[in-house]
Amino acid sequence: MSYFDIQQAFDHGKFIIVFYDTFQGVGNQSLIYSIDEQQISFCDHFDVMTKNEFEQQRQADGICRQVVVVEHA
C-alpha cells in the first residue's frame, strides 16, 4: 500500500499496523496513531516521522513493506 492508501484507510476509520525500520535501525511494527499528508505517528511511541522519513524507513534492508488493515465495528 502506498502512503496515500494507508492514509485513506485510516481516514475511513480502519486500524492500520505498518512495518518499518526505526531511526535506531530496529525493525518495528506499530499501530498508527495519526497520519496526514505530511507526517505519521504511532501508538507505541509518539515520535513523529515525516512522510518522506517513513517511506525511507519502510524501504530499509530486511523490512517487509507489509500493512495490516483491521476493520472494526
Protein backbone atom coordinates (compact mmCIF):
# COMPACT_ATOMS: atom_id res chain seq x y z
CA MET A 1 0.00 0.00 0.00
CA SER A 2 1.19 3.49 -0.73
CA TYR A 3 1.35 6.21 1.92
CA PHE A 4 -1.77 7.75 0.35
CA ASP A 5 -3.64 4.42 0.52
CA ILE A 6 -2.64 3.98 4.16
CA GLN A 7 -3.85 7.49 4.94
CA GLN A 8 -7.16 6.91 3.14
CA ALA A 9 -7.81 3.67 5.05
CA PHE A 10 -7.00 5.41 8.35
CA ASP A 11 -9.30 8.32 7.44
CA HIS A 12 -12.09 5.79 6.84
CA GLY A 13 -11.81 4.59 10.44
CA LYS A 14 -9.70 1.48 9.95
CA PHE A 15 -6.95 0.43 12.35
CA ILE A 16 -3.64 0.26 10.46
CA ILE A 17 -0.50 -1.62 11.52
CA VAL A 18 2.62 -0.84 9.50
CA PHE A 19 6.09 -2.40 9.38
CA TYR A 20 9.11 -0.08 9.18
CA ASP A 21 12.64 0.47 10.49
CA THR A 22 13.03 2.87 13.44
CA PHE A 23 15.59 5.68 13.34
CA GLN A 24 17.68 3.45 15.62
CA GLY A 25 17.81 0.78 12.91
CA VAL A 26 15.43 -1.63 14.63
CA GLY A 27 12.66 -3.34 12.66
CA ASN A 28 9.28 -2.47 14.14
CA GLN A 29 5.56 -2.79 13.59
CA SER A 30 3.17 -0.25 15.04
CA LEU A 31 -0.45 0.76 15.10
CA ILE A 32 -0.87 4.19 13.52
CA TYR A 33 -1.97 6.89 15.96
CA SER A 34 -2.18 9.73 13.43
CA ILE A 35 -1.41 10.29 9.75
CA ASP A 36 -1.81 13.22 7.38
CA GLU A 37 -0.26 14.41 4.13
CA GLN A 38 2.99 15.40 5.86
CA GLN A 39 3.60 13.14 8.87
CA ILE A 40 2.76 9.95 10.73
CA SER A 41 2.86 8.93 14.41
CA PHE A 42 2.34 5.64 16.21
CA CYS A 43 0.53 4.36 19.32
CA ASP A 44 3.57 2.69 20.91
CA HIS A 45 5.61 5.92 20.79
CA PHE A 46 4.62 9.39 19.79
CA ASP A 47 7.73 10.26 17.81
CA VAL A 48 6.57 11.84 14.59
CA MET A 49 8.05 10.86 11.23
CA THR A 50 7.64 12.93 8.13
CA LYS A 51 6.08 11.21 5.15
CA ASN A 52 9.48 11.05 3.44
CA GLU A 53 11.22 9.64 6.53
CA PHE A 54 8.55 6.97 6.90
CA GLU A 55 8.79 5.95 3.25
CA GLN A 56 12.58 5.75 3.58
CA GLN A 57 12.35 3.66 6.76
CA ARG A 58 9.88 1.27 5.06
CA GLN A 59 12.49 0.56 2.38
CA ALA A 60 15.28 -0.39 4.80
CA ASP A 61 17.06 -3.71 4.19
CA GLY A 62 15.21 -6.62 5.76
CA ILE A 63 11.94 -4.75 6.25
CA CYS A 64 8.88 -6.11 4.51
CA ARG A 65 6.55 -3.34 3.43
CA GLN A 66 3.55 -5.07 4.98
CA VAL A 67 0.49 -3.18 6.09
CA VAL A 68 -2.27 -4.80 8.14
CA VAL A 69 -5.69 -3.16 7.80
CA VAL A 70 -8.17 -4.06 10.54
CA GLU A 71 -11.86 -3.41 10.07
CA HIS A 72 -13.83 -2.85 13.24
CA ALA A 73 -17.47 -2.43 14.07
